[in-house]
Amino acid sequence: MKKYIIYTTIIFAVLSLSSCQQTTGRYIINDPFPEAQMEITKTLDDIYKSAQNKEFDLLRSFHLYGPKFTEFKNGEPRANSEQNKRSEEELFTSLSDFEYDLRDLKVSVYGDVAIATFHGHFEANMGEQHLSFQLQSTLAFVKTENSWKIVHEHFSPLNLTELNQNNN
């Protein structure tokens, strides 16, 4: 009888723990976390406004730079924190009249991690040349003590022909 009670207790404990993990997993996957979504949406706007205003210290403050930070851009090899800082400052220093439109924005929050995807439509001048480019964009965020910080960026050209065909 003692063995039966011990086995029953163990089975009950395992099933209870399994059920808790499944519930937590479903919560993280299914809960939209609307407050966090709004925070990240505002952060994205603040990021691009800081780029417009060439406020590079502020722009850098939106990133969680360190050994885990990564960036992919235009099919080039992975970049690290220092490369990202340098390339962003060089890019936005060379641009004037920078405008942005983050279309089809989707913010998916998984507790303290979030993924923002969007079709970035950007306009700017580089000297006398007007630039217009569309990028398929992904930013991965981690929640820190006070704010959401970028830990990964990925930008690649957006295939507008395929996008337009899929929307028809």
C-alpha atoms as a PDB file:
ATOM      1  CA  MET A   1       0.000   0.000   0.000  1.00  0.00           C
ATOM      2  CA  LYS A   2       2.866   2.334   0.858  1.00  0.00           C
ATOM      3  CA  LYS A   3       4.389   1.793  -2.594  1.00  0.00           C
ATOM      4  CA  TYR A   4       1.027   2.522  -4.226  1.00  0.00           C
ATOM      5  CA  ILE A   5       0.748   5.853  -2.373  1.00  0.00           C
ATOM      6  CA  ILE A   6       4.349   6.804  -3.266  1.00  0.00           C
ATOM      7  CA  TYR A   7       3.830   5.918  -6.960  1.00  0.00           C
ATOM      8  CA  THR A   8       0.515   7.752  -7.054  1.00  0.00           C
ATOM      9  CA  THR A   9       2.105  10.822  -5.443  1.00  0.00           C
ATOM     10  CA  ILE A  10       4.998  10.783  -7.927  1.00  0.00           C
ATOM     11  CA  ILE A  11       2.670  10.386 -10.911  1.00  0.00           C
ATOM     12  CA  PHE A  12       0.431  13.183  -9.640  1.00  0.00           C
ATOM     13  CA  ALA A  13       3.462  15.474  -9.111  1.00  0.00           C
ATOM     14  CA  VAL A  14       4.833  14.765 -12.617  1.00  0.00           C
ATOM     15  CA  LEU A  15       1.443  15.389 -14.222  1.00  0.00           C
ATOM     16  CA  SER A  16       0.991  18.601 -12.244  1.00  0.00           C
ATOM     17  CA  LEU A  17       4.416  19.931 -13.249  1.00  0.00           C
ATOM     18  CA  SER A  18       3.821  18.923 -16.862  1.00  0.00           C
ATOM     19  CA  SER A  19       0.482  20.723 -16.849  1.00  0.00           C
ATOM     20  CA  CYS A  20       2.054  23.892 -15.388  1.00  0.00           C
ATOM     21  CA  GLN A  21       4.748  23.948 -18.072  1.00  0.00           C
ATOM     22  CA  GLN A  22       2.191  23.528 -20.837  1.00  0.00           C
ATOM     23  CA  THR A  23       0.005  26.295 -19.427  1.00  0.00           C
ATOM     24  CA  THR A  24       2.989  28.655 -19.108  1.00  0.00           C
ATOM     25  CA  GLY A  25       4.096  27.824 -22.658  1.00  0.00           C
ATOM     26  CA  ARG A  26       0.627  28.493 -24.073  1.00  0.00           C
ATOM     27  CA  TYR A  27       0.468  31.757 -22.120  1.00  0.00           C
ATOM     28  CA  ILE A  28       3.750  32.994 -23.601  1.00  0.00           C
ATOM     29  CA  ILE A  29       2.759  31.940 -27.110  1.00  0.00           C
ATOM     30  CA  ASN A  30      -0.889  33.055 -27.120  1.00  0.00           C
ATOM     31  CA  ASP A  31      -0.991  36.146 -24.900  1.00  0.00           C
ATOM     32  CA  PRO A  32      -0.409  39.228 -27.099  1.00  0.00           C
ATOM     33  CA  PHE A  33       1.024  41.264 -24.172  1.00  0.00           C
ATOM     34  CA  PRO A  34      -0.650  44.481 -25.457  1.00  0.00           C
ATOM     35  CA  GLU A  35       1.194  46.833 -23.079  1.00  0.00           C
ATOM     36  CA  ALA A  36       4.569  45.475 -24.207  1.00  0.00           C
ATOM     37  CA  GLN A  37       3.467  45.706 -27.851  1.00  0.00           C
ATOM     38  CA  MET A  38       2.678  49.404 -27.348  1.00  0.00           C
ATOM     39  CA  GLU A  39       6.018  49.984 -25.589  1.00  0.00           C
ATOM     40  CA  ILE A  40       7.921  48.393 -28.467  1.00  0.00           C
ATOM     41  CA  THR A  41       5.903  50.277 -31.101  1.00  0.00           C
ATOM     42  CA  LYS A  42       6.767  53.549 -29.337  1.00  0.00           C
ATOM     43  CA  THR A  43      10.404  52.454 -29.026  1.00  0.00           C
ATOM     44  CA  LEU A  44      10.548  51.810 -32.779  1.00  0.00           C
ATOM     45  CA  ASP A  45       9.252  55.317 -33.447  1.00  0.00           C
ATOM     46  CA  ASP A  46      11.805  56.750 -30.991  1.00  0.00           C
ATOM     47  CA  ILE A  47      14.591  54.781 -32.682  1.00  0.00           C
ATOM     48  CA  TYR A  48      13.833  56.188 -36.125  1.00  0.00           C
ATOM     49  CA  LYS A  49      13.270  59.704 -34.785  1.00  0.00           C
ATOM     50  CA  SER A  50      16.705  59.586 -33.149  1.00  0.00           C
ATOM     51  CA  ALA A  51      18.141  58.534 -36.528  1.00  0.00           C
ATOM     52  CA  GLN A  52      16.317  61.422 -38.240  1.00  0.00           C
ATOM     53  CA  ASN A  53      17.735  63.864 -35.706  1.00  0.00           C
ATOM     54  CA  LYS A  54      21.213  62.292 -35.817  1.00  0.00           C
ATOM     55  CA  GLU A  55      21.102  61.733 -32.054  1.00  0.00           C
ATOM     56  CA  PHE A  56      23.600  58.884 -32.108  1.00  0.00           C
ATOM     57  CA  ASP A  57      24.007  58.475 -28.339  1.00  0.00           C
ATOM     58  CA  LEU A  58      20.228  58.105 -28.068  1.00  0.00           C
ATOM     59  CA  LEU A  59      20.166  55.721 -31.048  1.00  0.00           C
ATOM     60  CA  ARG A  60      22.855  53.549 -29.418  1.00  0.00           C
ATOM     61  CA  SER A  61      20.895  53.534 -26.145  1.00  0.00           C
ATOM     62  CA  PHE A  62      18.132  51.474 -27.779  1.00  0.00           C
ATOM     63  CA  HIS A  63      20.572  48.585 -28.307  1.00  0.00           C
ATOM     64  CA  LEU A  64      21.805  45.997 -25.827  1.00  0.00           C
ATOM     65  CA  TYR A  65      25.338  45.957 -27.176  1.00  0.00           C
ATOM     66  CA  GLY A  66      27.642  43.199 -26.044  1.00  0.00           C
ATOM     67  CA  PRO A  67      28.938  39.802 -27.140  1.00  0.00           C
ATOM     68  CA  LYS A  68      25.434  38.446 -27.909  1.00  0.00           C
ATOM     69  CA  PHE A  69      24.383  41.332 -30.176  1.00  0.00           C
ATOM     70  CA  THR A  70      24.123  40.432 -33.893  1.00  0.00           C
ATOM     71  CA  GLU A  71      23.100  42.070 -37.146  1.00  0.00           C
ATOM     72  CA  PHE A  72      22.426  40.799 -40.663  1.00  0.00           C
ATOM     73  CA  LYS A  73      22.090  43.222 -43.543  1.00  0.00           C
ATOM     74  CA  ASN A  74      21.767  42.751 -47.304  1.00  0.00           C
ATOM     75  CA  GLY A  75      23.185  39.222 -47.338  1.00  0.00           C
ATOM     76  CA  GLU A  76      26.493  40.326 -45.804  1.00  0.00           C
ATOM     77  CA  PRO A  77      28.268  38.371 -43.046  1.00  0.00           C
ATOM     78  CA  ARG A  78      26.984  38.786 -39.507  1.00  0.00           C
ATOM     79  CA  ALA A  79      28.005  42.048 -37.822  1.00  0.00           C
ATOM     80  CA  ASN A  80      28.693  42.638 -34.133  1.00  0.00           C
ATOM     81  CA  SER A  81      28.090  45.558 -31.752  1.00  0.00           C
ATOM     82  CA  GLU A  82      31.006  47.711 -32.887  1.00  0.00           C
ATOM     83  CA  GLN A  83      30.250  47.187 -36.575  1.00  0.00           C
ATOM     84  CA  ASN A  84      26.590  48.055 -36.003  1.00  0.00           C
ATOM     85  CA  LYS A  85      27.411  51.268 -34.116  1.00  0.00           C
ATOM     86  CA  ARG A  86      29.822  52.352 -36.830  1.00  0.00           C
ATOM     87  CA  SER A  87      27.572  51.499 -39.786  1.00  0.00           C
ATOM     88  CA  GLU A  88      24.478  53.179 -38.308  1.00  0.00           C
ATOM     89  CA  GLU A  89      26.346  56.377 -37.537  1.00  0.00           C
ATOM     90  CA  GLU A  90      28.015  56.434 -40.979  1.00  0.00           C
ATOM     91  CA  LEU A  91      24.697  55.827 -42.732  1.00  0.00           C
ATOM     92  CA  PHE A  92      22.624  58.413 -40.902  1.00  0.00           C
ATOM     93  CA  THR A  93      25.427  60.999 -40.982  1.00  0.00           C
ATOM     94  CA  SER A  94      25.460  60.783 -44.783  1.00  0.00           C
ATOM     95  CA  LEU A  95      21.659  61.156 -45.128  1.00  0.00           C
ATOM     96  CA  SER A  96      19.440  64.209 -44.993  1.00  0.00           C
ATOM     97  CA  ASP A  97      15.662  64.514 -45.046  1.00  0.00           C
ATOM     98  CA  PHE A  98      15.356  60.939 -43.777  1.00  0.00           C
ATOM     99  CA  GLU A  99      11.747  59.701 -43.647  1.00  0.00           C
ATOM    100  CA  TYR A 100      10.446  56.301 -42.603  1.00  0.00           C
ATOM    101  CA  ASP A 101       7.218  54.320 -42.768  1.00  0.00           C
ATOM    102  CA  LEU A 102       7.077  50.992 -40.939  1.00  0.00           C
ATOM    103  CA  ARG A 103       4.343  49.180 -42.844  1.00  0.00           C
ATOM    104  CA  ASP A 104       2.737  45.881 -41.894  1.00  0.00           C
ATOM    105  CA  LEU A 105       4.242  46.149 -38.396  1.00  0.00           C
ATOM    106  CA  LYS A 106       3.829  43.043 -36.280  1.00  0.00           C
ATOM    107  CA  VAL A 107       5.113  42.910 -32.708  1.00  0.00           C
ATOM    108  CA  SER A 108       5.141  39.435 -31.157  1.00  0.00           C
ATOM    109  CA  VAL A 109       5.951  39.367 -27.450  1.00  0.00           C
ATOM    110  CA  TYR A 110       7.052  36.218 -25.625  1.00  0.00           C
ATOM    111  CA  GLY A 111       7.421  37.394 -22.036  1.00  0.00           C
ATOM    112  CA  ASP A 112      10.746  39.241 -21.852  1.00  0.00           C
ATOM    113  CA  VAL A 113      11.586  38.662 -25.532  1.00  0.00           C
ATOM    114  CA  ALA A 114       9.893  40.287 -28.514  1.00  0.00           C
ATOM    115  CA  ILE A 115      10.219  40.218 -32.293  1.00  0.00           C
ATOM    116  CA  ALA A 116       9.184  43.223 -34.387  1.00  0.00           C
ATOM    117  CA  THR A 117       8.807  42.631 -38.121  1.00  0.00           C
ATOM    118  CA  PHE A 118       7.854  45.242 -40.694  1.00  0.00           C
ATOM    119  CA  HIS A 119       8.283  46.416 -44.253  1.00  0.00           C
ATOM    120  CA  GLY A 120      10.416  49.506 -43.889  1.00  0.00           C
ATOM    121  CA  HIS A 121       9.840  52.136 -46.565  1.00  0.00           C
ATOM    122  CA  PHE A 122      12.605  54.718 -46.345  1.00  0.00           C
ATOM    123  CA  GLU A 123      13.286  57.962 -48.218  1.00  0.00           C
ATOM    124  CA  ALA A 124      16.333  60.195 -47.858  1.00  0.00           C
ATOM    125  CA  ASN A 125      18.780  62.384 -49.704  1.00  0.00           C
ATOM    126  CA  MET A 126      22.475  61.625 -49.966  1.00  0.00           C
ATOM    127  CA  GLY A 127      24.024  64.775 -51.296  1.00  0.00           C
ATOM    128  CA  GLU A 128      22.101  65.589 -54.475  1.00  0.00           C
ATOM    129  CA  GLN A 129      20.848  62.017 -54.898  1.00  0.00           C
ATOM    130  CA  HIS A 130      17.353  61.037 -53.706  1.00  0.00           C
ATOM    131  CA  LEU A 131      17.148  57.511 -52.298  1.00  0.00           C
ATOM    132  CA  SER A 132      14.080  55.383 -51.878  1.00  0.00           C
ATOM    133  CA  PHE A 133      14.414  51.880 -50.514  1.00  0.00           C
ATOM    134  CA  GLN A 134      12.189  49.202 -49.038  1.00  0.00           C
ATOM    135  CA  LEU A 135      13.538  46.707 -46.555  1.00  0.00           C
ATOM    136  CA  GLN A 136      12.204  43.553 -45.005  1.00  0.00           C
ATOM    137  CA  SER A 137      13.045  44.160 -41.360  1.00  0.00           C
ATOM    138  CA  THR A 138      13.293  42.179 -38.143  1.00  0.00           C
ATOM    139  CA  LEU A 139      14.337  43.511 -34.750  1.00  0.00           C
ATOM    140  CA  ALA A 140      14.650  41.213 -31.743  1.00  0.00           C
ATOM    141  CA  PHE A 141      14.176  42.876 -28.354  1.00  0.00           C
ATOM    142  CA  VAL A 142      14.874  41.822 -24.781  1.00  0.00           C
ATOM    143  CA  LYS A 143      13.164  43.430 -21.793  1.00  0.00           C
ATOM    144  CA  THR A 144      15.670  44.976 -19.404  1.00  0.00           C
ATOM    145  CA  GLU A 145      14.975  46.550 -16.037  1.00  0.00           C
ATOM    146  CA  ASN A 146      13.737  49.821 -17.564  1.00  0.00           C
ATOM    147  CA  SER A 147      13.075  49.288 -21.262  1.00  0.00           C
ATOM    148  CA  TRP A 148      13.147  47.085 -24.337  1.00  0.00           C
ATOM    149  CA  LYS A 149      16.556  46.814 -26.036  1.00  0.00           C
ATOM    150  CA  ILE A 150      17.512  45.555 -29.500  1.00  0.00           C
ATOM    151  CA  VAL A 151      19.682  42.416 -29.445  1.00  0.00           C
ATOM    152  CA  HIS A 152      19.442  41.524 -33.132  1.00  0.00           C
ATOM    153  CA  GLU A 153      18.705  43.406 -36.363  1.00  0.00           C
ATOM    154  CA  HIS A 154      18.069  41.993 -39.820  1.00  0.00           C
ATOM    155  CA  PHE A 155      17.436  44.127 -42.909  1.00  0.00           C
ATOM    156  CA  SER A 156      17.226  42.843 -46.462  1.00  0.00           C
ATOM    157  CA  PRO A 157      15.678  44.157 -49.678  1.00  0.00           C
ATOM    158  CA  LEU A 158      11.913  43.749 -49.865  1.00  0.00           C
ATOM    159  CA  ASN A 159      10.607  42.046 -53.009  1.00  0.00           C
ATOM    160  CA  LEU A 160       7.697  44.381 -53.786  1.00  0.00           C
ATOM    161  CA  THR A 161       6.599  42.431 -56.875  1.00  0.00           C
ATOM    162  CA  GLU A 162       5.988  39.295 -54.828  1.00  0.00           C
ATOM    163  CA  LEU A 163       4.399  41.320 -52.006  1.00  0.00           C
ATOM    164  CA  ASN A 164       1.951  42.975 -54.427  1.00  0.00           C
ATOM    165  CA  GLN A 165       1.053  39.602 -56.003  1.00  0.00           C
ATOM    166  CA  ASN A 166       0.341  38.088 -52.574  1.00  0.00           C
ATOM    167  CA  ASN A 167      -1.911  41.024 -51.632  1.00  0.00           C
ATOM    168  CA  ASN A 168      -4.052  40.652 -54.787  1.00  0.00           C
END
